[in-house]
N, C-alpha and C. Protein backbone atom coordinates (compact mmCIF):
# COMPACT_ATOMS: atom_id res chain seq x y z
N MET A 1 -14.35 198.27 140.86
CA MET A 1 -14.76 197.02 140.92
C MET A 1 -16.57 197.56 140.06
N ILE A 2 -16.77 196.08 139.29
CA ILE A 2 -18.27 197.39 138.36
C ILE A 2 -18.96 195.96 139.10
N VAL A 3 -19.74 196.04 139.31
CA VAL A 3 -21.14 195.45 139.84
C VAL A 3 -22.40 195.17 138.70
N VAL A 4 -22.79 193.76 138.49
CA VAL A 4 -23.51 193.45 137.48
C VAL A 4 -24.78 192.59 138.45
N GLU A 5 -26.39 193.75 138.03
CA GLU A 5 -27.21 193.03 138.92
C GLU A 5 -28.28 192.26 138.13
N VAL A 6 -28.76 190.85 138.28
CA VAL A 6 -29.75 190.52 137.22
C VAL A 6 -31.29 189.79 138.07
N MET A 7 -32.16 190.84 137.43
CA MET A 7 -32.76 190.32 137.82
C MET A 7 -34.67 188.80 137.58
N PRO A 8 -35.03 188.26 137.46
CA PRO A 8 -36.25 187.45 135.97
C PRO A 8 -37.29 188.48 135.65
N LYS A 9 -37.22 188.47 134.67
CA LYS A 9 -37.50 188.74 133.54
C LYS A 9 -39.58 189.27 134.76
N ALA A 10 -40.19 190.72 134.57
CA ALA A 10 -41.44 191.06 135.21
C ALA A 10 -41.89 189.74 135.45
N GLU A 11 -42.66 189.28 134.25
CA GLU A 11 -43.93 188.64 133.71
C GLU A 11 -43.24 186.84 134.13
N LEU A 12 -42.18 186.85 134.26
CA LEU A 12 -42.14 185.46 134.94
C LEU A 12 -42.42 185.08 136.25
N LEU A 13 -42.59 183.84 137.25
CA LEU A 13 -43.01 183.74 138.45
C LEU A 13 -41.77 184.23 139.06
N ASP A 14 -41.48 184.25 140.62
CA ASP A 14 -40.74 183.60 141.01
C ASP A 14 -40.99 183.73 142.15
N PRO A 15 -40.67 181.37 142.19
CA PRO A 15 -41.40 180.81 143.52
C PRO A 15 -40.59 181.42 144.36
N ALA A 16 -39.06 181.09 144.79
CA ALA A 16 -38.63 181.58 145.98
C ALA A 16 -38.32 183.04 146.67
N GLY A 17 -39.19 184.00 145.82
CA GLY A 17 -39.72 185.40 145.78
C GLY A 17 -41.08 184.99 147.18
N LYS A 18 -42.50 184.72 146.17
CA LYS A 18 -43.33 184.35 146.78
C LYS A 18 -43.17 184.03 148.65
N ALA A 19 -42.06 182.68 147.86
CA ALA A 19 -42.17 181.74 149.54
C ALA A 19 -40.72 183.29 150.71
N VAL A 20 -40.73 184.01 149.99
CA VAL A 20 -39.83 184.81 151.49
C VAL A 20 -41.34 186.05 151.72
N ALA A 21 -42.21 186.44 151.05
CA ALA A 21 -43.16 187.89 150.67
C ALA A 21 -44.14 186.88 151.55
N THR A 22 -44.29 184.95 151.31
CA THR A 22 -45.30 185.00 152.72
C THR A 22 -44.66 184.65 153.83
N ALA A 23 -43.36 183.97 153.86
CA ALA A 23 -42.63 184.11 155.58
C ALA A 23 -42.67 185.98 156.13
N LEU A 24 -42.14 186.10 154.88
CA LEU A 24 -42.50 188.00 156.25
C LEU A 24 -43.30 188.69 156.28
N ALA A 25 -44.72 187.57 155.37
CA ALA A 25 -45.87 188.18 156.17
C ALA A 25 -46.50 187.39 157.86
N LYS A 26 -45.97 185.66 157.23
CA LYS A 26 -46.56 185.28 158.59
C LYS A 26 -45.88 185.92 159.84
N ARG A 27 -44.07 186.61 160.02
CA ARG A 27 -44.61 187.01 160.72
C ARG A 27 -44.48 188.24 161.27
N GLY A 28 -46.09 188.79 160.21
CA GLY A 28 -46.04 190.16 160.97
C GLY A 28 -45.25 191.48 160.49
N ASP A 29 -44.54 190.81 158.91
CA ASP A 29 -44.02 192.06 158.46
C ASP A 29 -45.07 192.70 156.90
N GLY A 30 -46.31 193.06 157.07
CA GLY A 30 -47.21 192.38 156.26
C GLY A 30 -46.85 193.98 154.88
N GLU A 31 -45.85 194.35 155.36
CA GLU A 31 -46.03 196.13 154.67
C GLU A 31 -45.03 195.20 153.55
N PHE A 32 -44.15 194.98 153.77
CA PHE A 32 -43.49 194.16 152.85
C PHE A 32 -44.57 193.31 151.68
N THR A 33 -45.15 193.58 150.37
CA THR A 33 -46.71 192.74 149.91
C THR A 33 -45.62 192.18 148.64
N ALA A 34 -44.34 192.40 147.81
CA ALA A 34 -43.30 191.48 147.04
C ALA A 34 -42.10 191.33 147.05
N VAL A 35 -41.83 190.03 146.44
CA VAL A 35 -40.10 190.06 146.88
C VAL A 35 -40.51 189.99 145.17
N ARG A 36 -38.92 189.86 145.12
CA ARG A 36 -38.66 189.91 143.71
C ARG A 36 -36.60 188.96 144.33
N ILE A 37 -36.04 187.81 143.89
CA ILE A 37 -34.83 187.68 144.53
C ILE A 37 -34.48 187.87 142.73
N GLY A 38 -33.01 188.37 142.48
CA GLY A 38 -31.81 188.09 141.34
C GLY A 38 -30.63 188.56 141.63
N LYS A 39 -30.04 188.18 141.26
CA LYS A 39 -28.33 187.96 141.76
C LYS A 39 -27.38 189.09 140.94
N ARG A 40 -26.51 189.55 142.01
CA ARG A 40 -25.54 190.24 142.47
C ARG A 40 -23.63 190.18 141.93
N PHE A 41 -23.35 189.90 141.20
CA PHE A 41 -21.93 189.86 140.05
C PHE A 41 -21.34 190.65 140.95
N GLU A 42 -20.57 190.46 141.26
CA GLU A 42 -18.53 191.22 140.94
C GLU A 42 -17.82 191.22 141.09
N LEU A 43 -17.43 191.80 140.07
CA LEU A 43 -16.37 192.07 139.28
C LEU A 43 -15.53 192.80 140.01
N HIS A 44 -14.13 192.17 140.21
CA HIS A 44 -12.85 193.46 140.39
C HIS A 44 -12.29 193.36 139.34
N VAL A 45 -11.51 194.09 138.55
CA VAL A 45 -10.28 194.53 137.80
C VAL A 45 -9.39 195.91 138.07
N ASP A 46 -8.17 196.01 137.92
CA ASP A 46 -7.48 196.61 138.54
C ASP A 46 -7.28 198.44 138.03
N GLU A 47 -8.51 198.11 136.49
CA GLU A 47 -9.21 199.88 136.68
C GLU A 47 -9.77 199.68 135.49
N VAL A 48 -10.82 200.50 135.97
CA VAL A 48 -12.39 200.29 135.11
C VAL A 48 -11.85 201.50 133.66
N THR A 49 -12.08 200.98 132.76
CA THR A 49 -12.36 201.70 131.70
C THR A 49 -13.59 201.48 131.06
N ASP A 50 -13.75 201.91 129.61
CA ASP A 50 -14.95 202.27 129.25
C ASP A 50 -14.76 201.12 128.08
N ALA A 51 -13.36 200.48 128.33
CA ALA A 51 -13.12 199.33 127.35
C ALA A 51 -13.44 198.03 128.46
N VAL A 52 -13.88 197.96 129.66
CA VAL A 52 -14.10 196.89 130.39
C VAL A 52 -15.05 197.25 130.57
N LEU A 53 -15.37 198.17 130.58
CA LEU A 53 -16.85 198.03 131.17
C LEU A 53 -17.74 197.85 130.66
N ALA A 54 -17.38 197.46 128.67
CA ALA A 54 -18.32 197.39 127.74
C ALA A 54 -17.79 195.96 127.79
N LYS A 55 -17.01 195.32 127.44
CA LYS A 55 -16.59 193.23 128.44
C LYS A 55 -17.61 193.63 129.38
N ALA A 56 -17.87 193.88 130.30
CA ALA A 56 -18.61 193.44 131.00
C ALA A 56 -20.02 193.40 131.29
N GLN A 57 -20.65 194.79 130.34
CA GLN A 57 -21.94 194.65 130.06
C GLN A 57 -21.96 193.66 129.47
N HIS A 58 -21.34 193.06 128.38
CA HIS A 58 -21.36 191.73 127.12
C HIS A 58 -20.96 189.99 128.16
N LEU A 59 -20.05 190.66 128.96
CA LEU A 59 -20.09 189.40 130.08
C LEU A 59 -21.58 189.03 130.77
N ALA A 60 -22.65 190.52 131.23
CA ALA A 60 -23.06 189.92 131.61
C ALA A 60 -24.61 189.46 130.51
N ASP A 61 -24.23 189.89 129.65
CA ASP A 61 -25.48 189.60 128.37
C ASP A 61 -25.97 188.26 128.22
N GLU A 62 -24.50 187.57 128.22
CA GLU A 62 -24.13 186.70 127.07
C GLU A 62 -24.22 185.62 128.08
N LEU A 63 -23.32 185.53 129.24
CA LEU A 63 -22.90 183.94 130.11
C LEU A 63 -23.98 185.21 132.35
N LEU A 64 -22.84 186.40 132.33
CA LEU A 64 -23.98 185.96 133.68
C LEU A 64 -25.72 186.53 133.60
N SER A 65 -25.66 185.71 132.45
CA SER A 65 -27.43 186.01 131.93
C SER A 65 -28.03 185.17 131.57
N ASN A 66 -28.97 184.39 132.53
CA ASN A 66 -30.17 184.55 130.89
C ASN A 66 -30.95 184.31 130.08
N ALA A 67 -30.87 184.91 128.77
CA ALA A 67 -31.59 185.95 128.53
C ALA A 67 -33.34 185.36 128.10
N VAL A 68 -33.94 183.76 128.20
CA VAL A 68 -34.74 183.87 128.34
C VAL A 68 -36.26 184.28 129.91
N ILE A 69 -35.18 183.90 130.72
CA ILE A 69 -36.06 184.22 132.09
C ILE A 69 -35.08 185.23 132.80
N GLU A 70 -34.34 186.39 132.30
CA GLU A 70 -33.92 187.25 133.29
C GLU A 70 -33.50 188.12 132.75
N ASP A 71 -33.39 189.25 132.67
CA ASP A 71 -33.04 190.84 132.75
C ASP A 71 -31.50 191.42 133.45
N VAL A 72 -31.00 191.42 132.81
CA VAL A 72 -29.41 192.85 133.28
C VAL A 72 -30.56 193.66 133.65
N VAL A 73 -30.54 194.25 134.49
CA VAL A 73 -30.76 195.63 135.16
C VAL A 73 -30.15 196.56 135.32
N ARG A 74 -28.27 196.17 135.84
CA ARG A 74 -27.19 197.33 135.20
C ARG A 74 -26.52 196.63 136.63
N VAL A 75 -25.79 197.05 135.53
CA VAL A 75 -23.52 197.06 135.59
C VAL A 75 -23.75 198.08 136.01
N TYR A 76 -22.74 198.44 136.58
CA TYR A 76 -22.16 200.09 137.21
C TYR A 76 -21.13 199.97 137.80
N VAL A 77 -20.23 201.02 138.14
CA VAL A 77 -18.87 200.32 138.92
C VAL A 77 -19.40 200.64 139.91
N ALA A 78 -18.66 200.50 141.68
CA ALA A 78 -19.46 200.29 142.10
C ALA A 78 -18.48 201.88 143.16
N ASP A 79 -19.16 202.60 143.57
CA ASP A 79 -18.25 203.50 144.56
C ASP A 79 -17.32 202.89 145.88
N ALA A 80 -16.31 203.19 146.06
CA ALA A 80 -15.37 202.52 147.30
C ALA A 80 -15.90 203.19 148.46
N VAL A 81 -16.49 204.57 147.98
CA VAL A 81 -16.71 204.46 149.66
C VAL A 81 -17.27 203.96 150.08
N ALA A 82 -18.74 203.39 148.52
CA ALA A 82 -19.77 202.66 149.45
C ALA A 82 -19.64 201.37 149.92
N GLU A 83 -18.46 201.44 148.99
CA GLU A 83 -17.45 199.61 149.18
C GLU A 83 -17.20 199.51 150.83
N ASP A 84 -16.21 199.99 151.62
CA ASP A 84 -15.68 200.19 152.76
C ASP A 84 -16.51 200.23 153.25
N ALA A 85 -17.97 200.61 153.17
CA ALA A 85 -18.21 200.95 154.17
C ALA A 85 -20.16 199.59 154.63
N LEU A 86 -19.86 199.16 153.47
CA LEU A 86 -20.03 197.83 154.07
C LEU A 86 -19.42 196.99 154.20
N ALA A 87 -18.27 196.47 153.90
CA ALA A 87 -17.14 195.91 154.92
C ALA A 87 -17.22 195.30 155.97
């Protein structure tokens, strides 16, 4: 599985993240001073090759993110052991 992580550009406001940070503070969880909310895409493939990973990066840049307001933070191959632990 290939994972693509996308986040709002740092210079832009994140109203949803701000709302979560405010809610955390109201709950007494003030140690979390800021929250930014992004997106995670899981692309399942039969076999990960350099060509498939390059295509995933291209898709991340061209289709899965809006370059005006978002940055592709990371494109990586997920560890199968970690996937099983989350299931």
